[in-house]
Amino acid sequence: MRISVKGRYAIIALINMAQLYNNGEYITIISISERLGISKIYLEQVFSLLKRGGLVNSVKGAQGGYQLSRVPQEITVYDILTAVELTLFERTEETVSPGFPEIETALRRSVFDPLDDAVKTALQGITLYDLADEIEKYRTDQGYMFFI
């Protein structure tokens, strides 16, 4: 499975927002862009899709920005990718010529549908909270204290 840059940036940006979720503030695209080293213009396009998908809310003005529309435990990777990857979850096209519908049916029921279901199930099982929690395990600035 190949996830586009747009999909990866959407996931990364929302993980960043999930990490800051408890402070209750709106987060600007500029601050996300600077923190993550992602193009501001590209993030604006991504956030437009995320807003349309109901994953973020926005407020305009000096104190404006974006906020997650739900708690991080309720937003899955599947939710994010379906909002920004417009073709990733489209149904597989017909593979075999119309003269062999039994082959097409067998392929769909034995290969394509189970594969689609497995990917969907896997992505629905991973939340922003899970990803933010996993990131904490790999953080290098754990603040170790050494005693001599």
C-alpha atoms as a PDB file:
ATOM      1  CA  MET A   1       0.000   0.000   0.000  1.00  0.00           C
ATOM      2  CA  ARG A   2       1.366   3.379  -0.958  1.00  0.00           C
ATOM      3  CA  ILE A   3       0.206   6.369   1.068  1.00  0.00           C
ATOM      4  CA  SER A   4       0.844   9.732  -0.584  1.00  0.00           C
ATOM      5  CA  VAL A   5       2.807  12.590   0.934  1.00  0.00           C
ATOM      6  CA  LYS A   6      -0.518  14.306   1.574  1.00  0.00           C
ATOM      7  CA  GLY A   7      -1.714  11.337   3.624  1.00  0.00           C
ATOM      8  CA  ARG A   8       1.541  11.101   5.577  1.00  0.00           C
ATOM      9  CA  TYR A   9       1.587  14.845   6.289  1.00  0.00           C
ATOM     10  CA  ALA A  10      -2.020  14.680   7.484  1.00  0.00           C
ATOM     11  CA  ILE A  11      -1.179  11.874   9.905  1.00  0.00           C
ATOM     12  CA  ILE A  12       1.966  13.632  11.148  1.00  0.00           C
ATOM     13  CA  ALA A  13       0.199  16.977  11.632  1.00  0.00           C
ATOM     14  CA  LEU A  14      -2.675  15.407  13.540  1.00  0.00           C
ATOM     15  CA  ILE A  15      -0.304  13.395  15.729  1.00  0.00           C
ATOM     16  CA  ASN A  16       1.377  16.687  16.578  1.00  0.00           C
ATOM     17  CA  MET A  17      -2.007  18.178  17.442  1.00  0.00           C
ATOM     18  CA  ALA A  18      -2.842  15.114  19.544  1.00  0.00           C
ATOM     19  CA  GLN A  19       0.373  15.607  21.523  1.00  0.00           C
ATOM     20  CA  LEU A  20      -0.732  19.175  22.299  1.00  0.00           C
ATOM     21  CA  TYR A  21      -4.415  18.337  22.747  1.00  0.00           C
ATOM     22  CA  ASN A  22      -4.672  18.847  26.507  1.00  0.00           C
ATOM     23  CA  ASN A  23      -3.658  22.496  26.420  1.00  0.00           C
ATOM     24  CA  GLY A  24      -6.973  23.404  24.728  1.00  0.00           C
ATOM     25  CA  GLU A  25      -5.453  26.034  22.456  1.00  0.00           C
ATOM     26  CA  TYR A  26      -5.972  26.405  18.750  1.00  0.00           C
ATOM     27  CA  ILE A  27      -2.856  25.536  16.765  1.00  0.00           C
ATOM     28  CA  THR A  28      -1.832  27.505  13.702  1.00  0.00           C
ATOM     29  CA  ILE A  29      -0.670  25.952  10.478  1.00  0.00           C
ATOM     30  CA  ILE A  30       2.449  28.106  10.694  1.00  0.00           C
ATOM     31  CA  SER A  31       3.403  26.609  14.070  1.00  0.00           C
ATOM     32  CA  ILE A  32       2.850  23.061  12.779  1.00  0.00           C
ATOM     33  CA  SER A  33       4.816  23.890   9.638  1.00  0.00           C
ATOM     34  CA  GLU A  34       7.763  25.249  11.609  1.00  0.00           C
ATOM     35  CA  ARG A  35       7.728  22.457  14.185  1.00  0.00           C
ATOM     36  CA  LEU A  36       7.571  19.643  11.641  1.00  0.00           C
ATOM     37  CA  GLY A  37       9.428  21.233   8.722  1.00  0.00           C
ATOM     38  CA  ILE A  38       6.474  20.884   6.347  1.00  0.00           C
ATOM     39  CA  SER A  39       5.488  23.448   3.715  1.00  0.00           C
ATOM     40  CA  LYS A  40       2.845  25.862   5.051  1.00  0.00           C
ATOM     41  CA  ILE A  41       1.132  26.043   1.671  1.00  0.00           C
ATOM     42  CA  TYR A  42       0.924  22.266   1.431  1.00  0.00           C
ATOM     43  CA  LEU A  43      -0.412  22.011   4.998  1.00  0.00           C
ATOM     44  CA  GLU A  44      -3.152  24.514   4.143  1.00  0.00           C
ATOM     45  CA  GLN A  45      -4.367  22.141   1.421  1.00  0.00           C
ATOM     46  CA  VAL A  46      -4.189  19.172   3.804  1.00  0.00           C
ATOM     47  CA  PHE A  47      -6.088  21.004   6.549  1.00  0.00           C
ATOM     48  CA  SER A  48      -8.777  22.037   4.098  1.00  0.00           C
ATOM     49  CA  LEU A  49      -9.427  18.333   3.453  1.00  0.00           C
ATOM     50  CA  LEU A  50      -9.207  17.465   7.153  1.00  0.00           C
ATOM     51  CA  LYS A  51     -11.755  20.172   7.963  1.00  0.00           C
ATOM     52  CA  ARG A  52     -14.068  18.944   5.202  1.00  0.00           C
ATOM     53  CA  GLY A  53     -13.667  15.432   6.645  1.00  0.00           C
ATOM     54  CA  GLY A  54     -14.791  16.666  10.069  1.00  0.00           C
ATOM     55  CA  LEU A  55     -11.499  15.892  11.824  1.00  0.00           C
ATOM     56  CA  VAL A  56     -10.539  19.452  12.746  1.00  0.00           C
ATOM     57  CA  ASN A  57     -12.368  22.646  13.649  1.00  0.00           C
ATOM     58  CA  SER A  58     -11.034  26.079  12.821  1.00  0.00           C
ATOM     59  CA  VAL A  59     -11.313  29.564  14.205  1.00  0.00           C
ATOM     60  CA  LYS A  60     -10.218  32.681  12.335  1.00  0.00           C
ATOM     61  CA  GLY A  61      -8.503  35.648  13.887  1.00  0.00           C
ATOM     62  CA  ALA A  62      -5.526  36.466  16.070  1.00  0.00           C
ATOM     63  CA  GLN A  63      -6.187  33.615  18.500  1.00  0.00           C
ATOM     64  CA  GLY A  64      -7.374  31.328  15.723  1.00  0.00           C
ATOM     65  CA  GLY A  65      -6.086  28.125  14.289  1.00  0.00           C
ATOM     66  CA  TYR A  66      -7.133  24.491  14.296  1.00  0.00           C
ATOM     67  CA  GLN A  67      -8.203  22.025  16.946  1.00  0.00           C
ATOM     68  CA  LEU A  68      -9.046  18.336  16.746  1.00  0.00           C
ATOM     69  CA  SER A  69     -12.808  17.892  16.467  1.00  0.00           C
ATOM     70  CA  ARG A  70     -12.722  14.849  18.792  1.00  0.00           C
ATOM     71  CA  VAL A  71     -10.389  13.473  21.423  1.00  0.00           C
ATOM     72  CA  PRO A  72      -7.306  11.685  20.014  1.00  0.00           C
ATOM     73  CA  GLN A  73      -8.655   8.319  21.208  1.00  0.00           C
ATOM     74  CA  GLU A  74     -11.583   8.694  18.781  1.00  0.00           C
ATOM     75  CA  ILE A  75      -9.711   9.633  15.598  1.00  0.00           C
ATOM     76  CA  THR A  76      -8.252   6.715  13.670  1.00  0.00           C
ATOM     77  CA  VAL A  77      -5.674   6.551  10.919  1.00  0.00           C
ATOM     78  CA  TYR A  78      -8.500   5.294   8.701  1.00  0.00           C
ATOM     79  CA  ASP A  79     -10.484   8.492   9.432  1.00  0.00           C
ATOM     80  CA  ILE A  80      -7.500  10.626   8.445  1.00  0.00           C
ATOM     81  CA  LEU A  81      -6.674   8.744   5.259  1.00  0.00           C
ATOM     82  CA  THR A  82     -10.279   8.645   4.054  1.00  0.00           C
ATOM     83  CA  ALA A  83     -10.410  12.423   4.475  1.00  0.00           C
ATOM     84  CA  VAL A  84      -7.285  13.175   2.434  1.00  0.00           C
ATOM     85  CA  GLU A  85      -6.585  10.152   0.216  1.00  0.00           C
ATOM     86  CA  LEU A  86      -9.493  10.480  -2.152  1.00  0.00           C
ATOM     87  CA  THR A  87      -8.680   7.377  -4.223  1.00  0.00           C
ATOM     88  CA  LEU A  88      -6.976   5.085  -1.715  1.00  0.00           C
ATOM     89  CA  PHE A  89     -10.140   3.289  -0.656  1.00  0.00           C
ATOM     90  CA  GLU A  90     -11.948   3.172  -3.974  1.00  0.00           C
ATOM     91  CA  ARG A  91     -13.338  -0.182  -4.988  1.00  0.00           C
ATOM     92  CA  THR A  92     -11.045  -2.213  -7.283  1.00  0.00           C
ATOM     93  CA  GLU A  93     -11.828  -1.868 -10.973  1.00  0.00           C
ATOM     94  CA  GLU A  94     -13.033  -4.789 -13.045  1.00  0.00           C
ATOM     95  CA  THR A  95     -10.027  -6.952 -13.862  1.00  0.00           C
ATOM     96  CA  VAL A  96     -11.316  -9.498 -16.371  1.00  0.00           C
ATOM     97  CA  SER A  97     -13.213  -8.904 -19.592  1.00  0.00           C
ATOM     98  CA  PRO A  98     -17.029  -9.025 -19.302  1.00  0.00           C
ATOM     99  CA  GLY A  99     -17.088 -12.498 -20.866  1.00  0.00           C
ATOM    100  CA  PHE A 100     -15.828 -14.080 -17.633  1.00  0.00           C
ATOM    101  CA  PRO A 101     -17.924 -12.756 -14.742  1.00  0.00           C
ATOM    102  CA  GLU A 102     -17.218 -15.864 -12.623  1.00  0.00           C
ATOM    103  CA  ILE A 103     -13.488 -15.068 -12.621  1.00  0.00           C
ATOM    104  CA  GLU A 104     -14.192 -11.473 -11.616  1.00  0.00           C
ATOM    105  CA  THR A 105     -16.515 -12.614  -8.824  1.00  0.00           C
ATOM    106  CA  ALA A 106     -13.959 -15.125  -7.544  1.00  0.00           C
ATOM    107  CA  LEU A 107     -11.173 -12.509  -7.544  1.00  0.00           C
ATOM    108  CA  ARG A 108     -13.330  -9.942  -5.804  1.00  0.00           C
ATOM    109  CA  ARG A 109     -14.602 -12.306  -3.106  1.00  0.00           C
ATOM    110  CA  SER A 110     -11.347 -14.201  -2.535  1.00  0.00           C
ATOM    111  CA  VAL A 111      -8.717 -11.475  -2.977  1.00  0.00           C
ATOM    112  CA  PHE A 112      -9.845  -7.873  -3.287  1.00  0.00           C
ATOM    113  CA  ASP A 113     -12.661  -7.679  -0.717  1.00  0.00           C
ATOM    114  CA  PRO A 114     -10.719  -9.518   2.027  1.00  0.00           C
ATOM    115  CA  LEU A 115      -7.667  -7.354   1.368  1.00  0.00           C
ATOM    116  CA  ASP A 116      -9.727  -4.149   1.514  1.00  0.00           C
ATOM    117  CA  ASP A 117     -11.386  -5.331   4.727  1.00  0.00           C
ATOM    118  CA  ALA A 118      -8.052  -6.231   6.352  1.00  0.00           C
ATOM    119  CA  VAL A 119      -6.518  -2.836   5.542  1.00  0.00           C
ATOM    120  CA  LYS A 120      -9.610  -0.997   6.779  1.00  0.00           C
ATOM    121  CA  THR A 121      -9.713  -3.026  10.012  1.00  0.00           C
ATOM    122  CA  ALA A 122      -6.012  -2.455  10.676  1.00  0.00           C
ATOM    123  CA  LEU A 123      -6.243   1.311  10.102  1.00  0.00           C
ATOM    124  CA  GLN A 124      -9.417   1.615  12.198  1.00  0.00           C
ATOM    125  CA  GLY A 125      -7.568  -0.022  15.077  1.00  0.00           C
ATOM    126  CA  ILE A 126      -4.899   2.701  15.318  1.00  0.00           C
ATOM    127  CA  THR A 127      -5.823   6.019  16.911  1.00  0.00           C
ATOM    128  CA  LEU A 128      -3.982   9.309  17.190  1.00  0.00           C
ATOM    129  CA  TYR A 129      -3.656   8.585  20.895  1.00  0.00           C
ATOM    130  CA  ASP A 130      -1.954   5.256  20.129  1.00  0.00           C
ATOM    131  CA  LEU A 131       0.519   6.939  17.782  1.00  0.00           C
ATOM    132  CA  ALA A 132       1.300   9.794  20.182  1.00  0.00           C
ATOM    133  CA  ASP A 133       1.829   7.236  22.948  1.00  0.00           C
ATOM    134  CA  GLU A 134       4.116   5.155  20.720  1.00  0.00           C
ATOM    135  CA  ILE A 135       6.192   8.238  19.887  1.00  0.00           C
ATOM    136  CA  GLU A 136       6.865   8.805  23.580  1.00  0.00           C
ATOM    137  CA  LYS A 137       8.589   5.397  23.727  1.00  0.00           C
ATOM    138  CA  TYR A 138      11.149   6.558  21.162  1.00  0.00           C
ATOM    139  CA  ARG A 139      11.789  10.051  22.454  1.00  0.00           C
ATOM    140  CA  THR A 140      15.501  10.643  22.980  1.00  0.00           C
ATOM    141  CA  ASP A 141      15.133  13.421  25.546  1.00  0.00           C
ATOM    142  CA  GLN A 142      13.792  11.202  28.312  1.00  0.00           C
ATOM    143  CA  GLY A 143      15.448  13.373  30.939  1.00  0.00           C
ATOM    144  CA  TYR A 144      17.607  10.652  32.450  1.00  0.00           C
ATOM    145  CA  MET A 145      19.324  11.615  35.651  1.00  0.00           C
ATOM    146  CA  PHE A 146      22.745  10.193  36.384  1.00  0.00           C
ATOM    147  CA  PHE A 147      24.185   9.978  39.875  1.00  0.00           C
ATOM    148  CA  ILE A 148      27.899   9.615  40.493  1.00  0.00           C
END
